[in-house]
């Protein structure tokens, strides 16, 4: 009798642990899907930011720092006095790091998008997130119903999420 209660207690603990793992995996997959959507929505802005940072880097190298640069203020907050050359070098390094980080993100997204590019419903993803089209316009271009666009976009974003997050994106 005592053993039965002990076995039931152990089974209950195992069941709760398995259930917690299942719920966590579902949440993780849902979080990966949402994070993928946020990253895809950011692509046009990241491309614009990359271009702006590249232009700013080129201008800084060519013409030097602007008189009232926020970068200079940020660098002076530590109380350390830097020479103008050190400030310029720090600003350039900061811009190069921002450009590298943005480039890396865009490369990862482009690579993940390339994995679905041959799908007949690719425009459901590209149109929504990159071109900022609505589902009705996308449906008109690919000759289907807006609900078909939505359903296939969900399927394709899930595939992109797996490329970006691996097993964490799998339900």
C-alpha atoms as a PDB file:
ATOM      1  CA  UNK A   1       0.000   0.000   0.000  1.00  0.00           C
ATOM      2  CA  UNK A   2       2.778   2.437   0.934  1.00  0.00           C
ATOM      3  CA  UNK A   3       4.588   1.538  -2.242  1.00  0.00           C
ATOM      4  CA  UNK A   4       1.489   2.316  -4.327  1.00  0.00           C
ATOM      5  CA  UNK A   5       1.285   5.831  -2.862  1.00  0.00           C
ATOM      6  CA  UNK A   6       5.006   6.308  -3.442  1.00  0.00           C
ATOM      7  CA  UNK A   7       4.701   5.063  -7.056  1.00  0.00           C
ATOM      8  CA  UNK A   8       1.701   7.348  -7.629  1.00  0.00           C
ATOM      9  CA  UNK A   9       3.656  10.274  -6.209  1.00  0.00           C
ATOM     10  CA  UNK A  10       6.591   9.543  -8.492  1.00  0.00           C
ATOM     11  CA  UNK A  11       4.291   9.136 -11.505  1.00  0.00           C
ATOM     12  CA  UNK A  12       2.618  12.435 -10.618  1.00  0.00           C
ATOM     13  CA  UNK A  13       5.997  14.192 -10.437  1.00  0.00           C
ATOM     14  CA  UNK A  14       7.075  12.686 -13.764  1.00  0.00           C
ATOM     15  CA  UNK A  15       3.770  13.663 -15.390  1.00  0.00           C
ATOM     16  CA  UNK A  16       4.076  17.255 -14.127  1.00  0.00           C
ATOM     17  CA  UNK A  17       7.697  17.478 -15.335  1.00  0.00           C
ATOM     18  CA  UNK A  18       6.795  16.156 -18.796  1.00  0.00           C
ATOM     19  CA  UNK A  19       3.808  18.510 -18.999  1.00  0.00           C
ATOM     20  CA  UNK A  20       5.958  21.479 -17.940  1.00  0.00           C
ATOM     21  CA  UNK A  21       8.494  20.555 -20.626  1.00  0.00           C
ATOM     22  CA  UNK A  22       5.766  20.294 -23.256  1.00  0.00           C
ATOM     23  CA  UNK A  23       4.312  23.692 -22.297  1.00  0.00           C
ATOM     24  CA  UNK A  24       7.790  25.232 -22.281  1.00  0.00           C
ATOM     25  CA  UNK A  25       8.524  23.808 -25.749  1.00  0.00           C
ATOM     26  CA  UNK A  26       5.246  25.214 -27.101  1.00  0.00           C
ATOM     27  CA  UNK A  27       6.015  28.610 -25.572  1.00  0.00           C
ATOM     28  CA  UNK A  28       9.548  28.484 -26.967  1.00  0.00           C
ATOM     29  CA  UNK A  29       8.264  27.693 -30.473  1.00  0.00           C
ATOM     30  CA  UNK A  30       5.662  30.470 -30.236  1.00  0.00           C
ATOM     31  CA  UNK A  31       8.336  32.893 -29.006  1.00  0.00           C
ATOM     32  CA  UNK A  32      10.625  31.918 -31.899  1.00  0.00           C
ATOM     33  CA  UNK A  33       7.787  32.507 -34.381  1.00  0.00           C
ATOM     34  CA  UNK A  34       7.037  35.962 -32.936  1.00  0.00           C
ATOM     35  CA  UNK A  35      10.740  36.843 -32.815  1.00  0.00           C
ATOM     36  CA  UNK A  36      11.070  35.783 -36.463  1.00  0.00           C
ATOM     37  CA  UNK A  37       8.195  38.067 -37.410  1.00  0.00           C
ATOM     38  CA  UNK A  38       9.808  40.987 -35.538  1.00  0.00           C
ATOM     39  CA  UNK A  39      13.105  40.351 -37.309  1.00  0.00           C
ATOM     40  CA  UNK A  40      11.412  40.141 -40.715  1.00  0.00           C
ATOM     41  CA  UNK A  41       9.473  43.377 -40.116  1.00  0.00           C
ATOM     42  CA  UNK A  42      12.800  45.050 -39.245  1.00  0.00           C
ATOM     43  CA  UNK A  43      14.524  44.150 -42.546  1.00  0.00           C
ATOM     44  CA  UNK A  44      13.638  47.352 -44.478  1.00  0.00           C
ATOM     45  CA  UNK A  45      14.638  49.533 -41.512  1.00  0.00           C
ATOM     46  CA  UNK A  46      17.857  47.585 -40.985  1.00  0.00           C
ATOM     47  CA  UNK A  47      18.780  48.060 -44.644  1.00  0.00           C
ATOM     48  CA  UNK A  48      18.149  51.814 -44.329  1.00  0.00           C
ATOM     49  CA  UNK A  49      20.138  51.963 -41.077  1.00  0.00           C
ATOM     50  CA  UNK A  50      23.032  50.075 -42.659  1.00  0.00           C
ATOM     51  CA  UNK A  51      23.119  52.532 -45.561  1.00  0.00           C
ATOM     52  CA  UNK A  52      22.964  55.523 -43.167  1.00  0.00           C
ATOM     53  CA  UNK A  53      25.755  54.145 -40.981  1.00  0.00           C
ATOM     54  CA  UNK A  54      27.938  53.421 -44.016  1.00  0.00           C
ATOM     55  CA  UNK A  55      27.422  56.982 -45.262  1.00  0.00           C
ATOM     56  CA  UNK A  56      28.163  58.406 -41.804  1.00  0.00           C
ATOM     57  CA  UNK A  57      31.353  56.339 -41.594  1.00  0.00           C
ATOM     58  CA  UNK A  58      32.448  57.541 -45.018  1.00  0.00           C
ATOM     59  CA  UNK A  59      31.692  61.180 -44.102  1.00  0.00           C
ATOM     60  CA  UNK A  60      33.491  60.862 -40.772  1.00  0.00           C
ATOM     61  CA  UNK A  61      36.586  59.458 -42.454  1.00  0.00           C
ATOM     62  CA  UNK A  62      36.443  62.109 -45.164  1.00  0.00           C
ATOM     63  CA  UNK A  63      35.428  65.239 -43.217  1.00  0.00           C
ATOM     64  CA  UNK A  64      36.052  64.386 -39.574  1.00  0.00           C
ATOM     65  CA  UNK A  65      33.585  64.606 -36.720  1.00  0.00           C
ATOM     66  CA  UNK A  66      30.622  66.928 -36.598  1.00  0.00           C
ATOM     67  CA  UNK A  67      30.927  69.788 -34.114  1.00  0.00           C
ATOM     68  CA  UNK A  68      28.237  68.518 -31.742  1.00  0.00           C
ATOM     69  CA  UNK A  69      28.325  64.783 -32.148  1.00  0.00           C
ATOM     70  CA  UNK A  70      26.324  62.692 -29.672  1.00  0.00           C
ATOM     71  CA  UNK A  71      29.095  60.115 -29.985  1.00  0.00           C
ATOM     72  CA  UNK A  72      31.609  62.563 -28.555  1.00  0.00           C
ATOM     73  CA  UNK A  73      29.355  63.343 -25.595  1.00  0.00           C
ATOM     74  CA  UNK A  74      28.862  59.655 -24.896  1.00  0.00           C
ATOM     75  CA  UNK A  75      32.609  59.032 -25.011  1.00  0.00           C
ATOM     76  CA  UNK A  76      33.342  61.903 -22.601  1.00  0.00           C
ATOM     77  CA  UNK A  77      30.907  60.708 -19.918  1.00  0.00           C
ATOM     78  CA  UNK A  78      33.556  58.527 -18.279  1.00  0.00           C
ATOM     79  CA  UNK A  79      35.533  61.631 -17.333  1.00  0.00           C
ATOM     80  CA  UNK A  80      38.589  60.557 -19.314  1.00  0.00           C
ATOM     81  CA  UNK A  81      40.091  63.203 -21.554  1.00  0.00           C
ATOM     82  CA  UNK A  82      40.720  61.947 -25.070  1.00  0.00           C
ATOM     83  CA  UNK A  83      42.598  63.586 -27.876  1.00  0.00           C
ATOM     84  CA  UNK A  84      40.609  64.486 -30.991  1.00  0.00           C
ATOM     85  CA  UNK A  85      42.349  61.620 -32.812  1.00  0.00           C
ATOM     86  CA  UNK A  86      41.326  59.147 -30.102  1.00  0.00           C
ATOM     87  CA  UNK A  87      37.751  60.401 -30.241  1.00  0.00           C
ATOM     88  CA  UNK A  88      37.709  60.062 -34.009  1.00  0.00           C
ATOM     89  CA  UNK A  89      39.119  56.537 -33.794  1.00  0.00           C
ATOM     90  CA  UNK A  90      36.558  55.549 -31.135  1.00  0.00           C
ATOM     91  CA  UNK A  91      33.674  56.923 -33.214  1.00  0.00           C
ATOM     92  CA  UNK A  92      34.918  55.052 -36.288  1.00  0.00           C
ATOM     93  CA  UNK A  93      35.280  51.808 -34.320  1.00  0.00           C
ATOM     94  CA  UNK A  94      31.758  52.287 -32.937  1.00  0.00           C
ATOM     95  CA  UNK A  95      30.329  52.848 -36.421  1.00  0.00           C
ATOM     96  CA  UNK A  96      32.209  49.848 -37.819  1.00  0.00           C
ATOM     97  CA  UNK A  97      30.826  47.660 -35.014  1.00  0.00           C
ATOM     98  CA  UNK A  98      27.264  48.863 -35.686  1.00  0.00           C
ATOM     99  CA  UNK A  99      27.700  48.202 -39.414  1.00  0.00           C
ATOM    100  CA  UNK A 100      29.081  44.710 -38.735  1.00  0.00           C
ATOM    101  CA  UNK A 101      26.207  43.820 -36.376  1.00  0.00           C
ATOM    102  CA  UNK A 102      23.554  45.080 -38.801  1.00  0.00           C
ATOM    103  CA  UNK A 103      25.240  43.314 -41.728  1.00  0.00           C
ATOM    104  CA  UNK A 104      25.383  40.066 -39.779  1.00  0.00           C
ATOM    105  CA  UNK A 105      21.651  40.256 -38.963  1.00  0.00           C
ATOM    106  CA  UNK A 106      20.738  41.000 -42.585  1.00  0.00           C
ATOM    107  CA  UNK A 107      22.925  38.146 -43.834  1.00  0.00           C
ATOM    108  CA  UNK A 108      21.268  35.698 -41.410  1.00  0.00           C
ATOM    109  CA  UNK A 109      17.804  36.830 -42.497  1.00  0.00           C
ATOM    110  CA  UNK A 110      18.704  36.751 -46.202  1.00  0.00           C
ATOM    111  CA  UNK A 111      20.070  33.230 -45.821  1.00  0.00           C
ATOM    112  CA  UNK A 112      16.920  32.077 -43.997  1.00  0.00           C
ATOM    113  CA  UNK A 113      14.697  33.736 -46.616  1.00  0.00           C
ATOM    114  CA  UNK A 114      16.690  32.085 -49.402  1.00  0.00           C
ATOM    115  CA  UNK A 115      15.551  28.712 -48.050  1.00  0.00           C
ATOM    116  CA  UNK A 116      11.929  29.557 -48.922  1.00  0.00           C
ATOM    117  CA  UNK A 117      12.482  31.701 -52.005  1.00  0.00           C
ATOM    118  CA  UNK A 118      11.405  28.947 -54.433  1.00  0.00           C
ATOM    119  CA  UNK A 119       8.084  28.419 -52.672  1.00  0.00           C
ATOM    120  CA  UNK A 120       5.095  29.595 -54.776  1.00  0.00           C
ATOM    121  CA  UNK A 121       3.841  31.571 -51.748  1.00  0.00           C
ATOM    122  CA  UNK A 122       7.142  33.351 -51.037  1.00  0.00           C
ATOM    123  CA  UNK A 123       5.441  36.686 -51.756  1.00  0.00           C
ATOM    124  CA  UNK A 124       3.242  36.038 -48.700  1.00  0.00           C
ATOM    125  CA  UNK A 125       6.366  36.581 -46.570  1.00  0.00           C
ATOM    126  CA  UNK A 126       8.309  39.050 -48.699  1.00  0.00           C
ATOM    127  CA  UNK A 127       5.206  41.096 -49.476  1.00  0.00           C
ATOM    128  CA  UNK A 128       4.037  41.311 -45.865  1.00  0.00           C
ATOM    129  CA  UNK A 129       7.294  41.947 -44.036  1.00  0.00           C
ATOM    130  CA  UNK A 130       9.704  43.404 -46.582  1.00  0.00           C
ATOM    131  CA  UNK A 131       7.459  45.230 -49.071  1.00  0.00           C
ATOM    132  CA  UNK A 132       4.783  46.055 -46.448  1.00  0.00           C
ATOM    133  CA  UNK A 133       1.872  44.904 -48.611  1.00  0.00           C
ATOM    134  CA  UNK A 134      -1.513  43.852 -47.223  1.00  0.00           C
ATOM    135  CA  UNK A 135      -2.890  40.343 -47.672  1.00  0.00           C
ATOM    136  CA  UNK A 136      -5.480  41.405 -50.248  1.00  0.00           C
ATOM    137  CA  UNK A 137      -2.818  42.873 -52.547  1.00  0.00           C
ATOM    138  CA  UNK A 138      -0.606  39.818 -52.104  1.00  0.00           C
ATOM    139  CA  UNK A 139      -3.545  37.502 -52.823  1.00  0.00           C
ATOM    140  CA  UNK A 140      -4.323  39.445 -55.985  1.00  0.00           C
ATOM    141  CA  UNK A 141      -0.733  39.106 -57.226  1.00  0.00           C
ATOM    142  CA  UNK A 142      -0.515  35.365 -56.629  1.00  0.00           C
ATOM    143  CA  UNK A 143      -4.132  34.686 -57.582  1.00  0.00           C
ATOM    144  CA  UNK A 144      -5.485  33.186 -54.393  1.00  0.00           C
ATOM    145  CA  UNK A 145      -7.660  34.005 -51.403  1.00  0.00           C
ATOM    146  CA  UNK A 146      -6.274  36.232 -48.578  1.00  0.00           C
ATOM    147  CA  UNK A 147      -6.807  33.347 -46.123  1.00  0.00           C
ATOM    148  CA  UNK A 148      -4.524  31.213 -48.313  1.00  0.00           C
ATOM    149  CA  UNK A 149      -1.906  33.971 -48.128  1.00  0.00           C
ATOM    150  CA  UNK A 150      -2.189  34.055 -44.340  1.00  0.00           C
ATOM    151  CA  UNK A 151      -2.014  30.255 -43.962  1.00  0.00           C
ATOM    152  CA  UNK A 152       1.004  29.890 -46.263  1.00  0.00           C
ATOM    153  CA  UNK A 153       2.800  32.854 -44.678  1.00  0.00           C
ATOM    154  CA  UNK A 154       2.432  31.156 -41.295  1.00  0.00           C
ATOM    155  CA  UNK A 155       3.896  27.951 -42.748  1.00  0.00           C
ATOM    156  CA  UNK A 156       6.812  29.788 -44.367  1.00  0.00           C
ATOM    157  CA  UNK A 157       7.595  31.956 -41.337  1.00  0.00           C
ATOM    158  CA  UNK A 158       7.730  28.743 -39.312  1.00  0.00           C
ATOM    159  CA  UNK A 159      10.348  27.406 -41.736  1.00  0.00           C
ATOM    160  CA  UNK A 160      12.339  30.642 -41.470  1.00  0.00           C
ATOM    161  CA  UNK A 161      12.087  30.445 -37.666  1.00  0.00           C
ATOM    162  CA  UNK A 162      13.605  26.952 -37.732  1.00  0.00           C
ATOM    163  CA  UNK A 163      16.481  28.286 -39.854  1.00  0.00           C
ATOM    164  CA  UNK A 164      17.047  31.136 -37.404  1.00  0.00           C
ATOM    165  CA  UNK A 165      16.411  29.379 -34.061  1.00  0.00           C
ATOM    166  CA  UNK A 166      16.841  25.669 -34.797  1.00  0.00           C
ATOM    167  CA  UNK A 167      15.021  23.163 -32.634  1.00  0.00           C
ATOM    168  CA  UNK A 168      13.681  25.902 -30.319  1.00  0.00           C
ATOM    169  CA  UNK A 169      11.288  26.893 -33.116  1.00  0.00           C
ATOM    170  CA  UNK A 170       9.827  23.392 -33.468  1.00  0.00           C
ATOM    171  CA  UNK A 171       6.599  22.547 -31.666  1.00  0.00           C
END
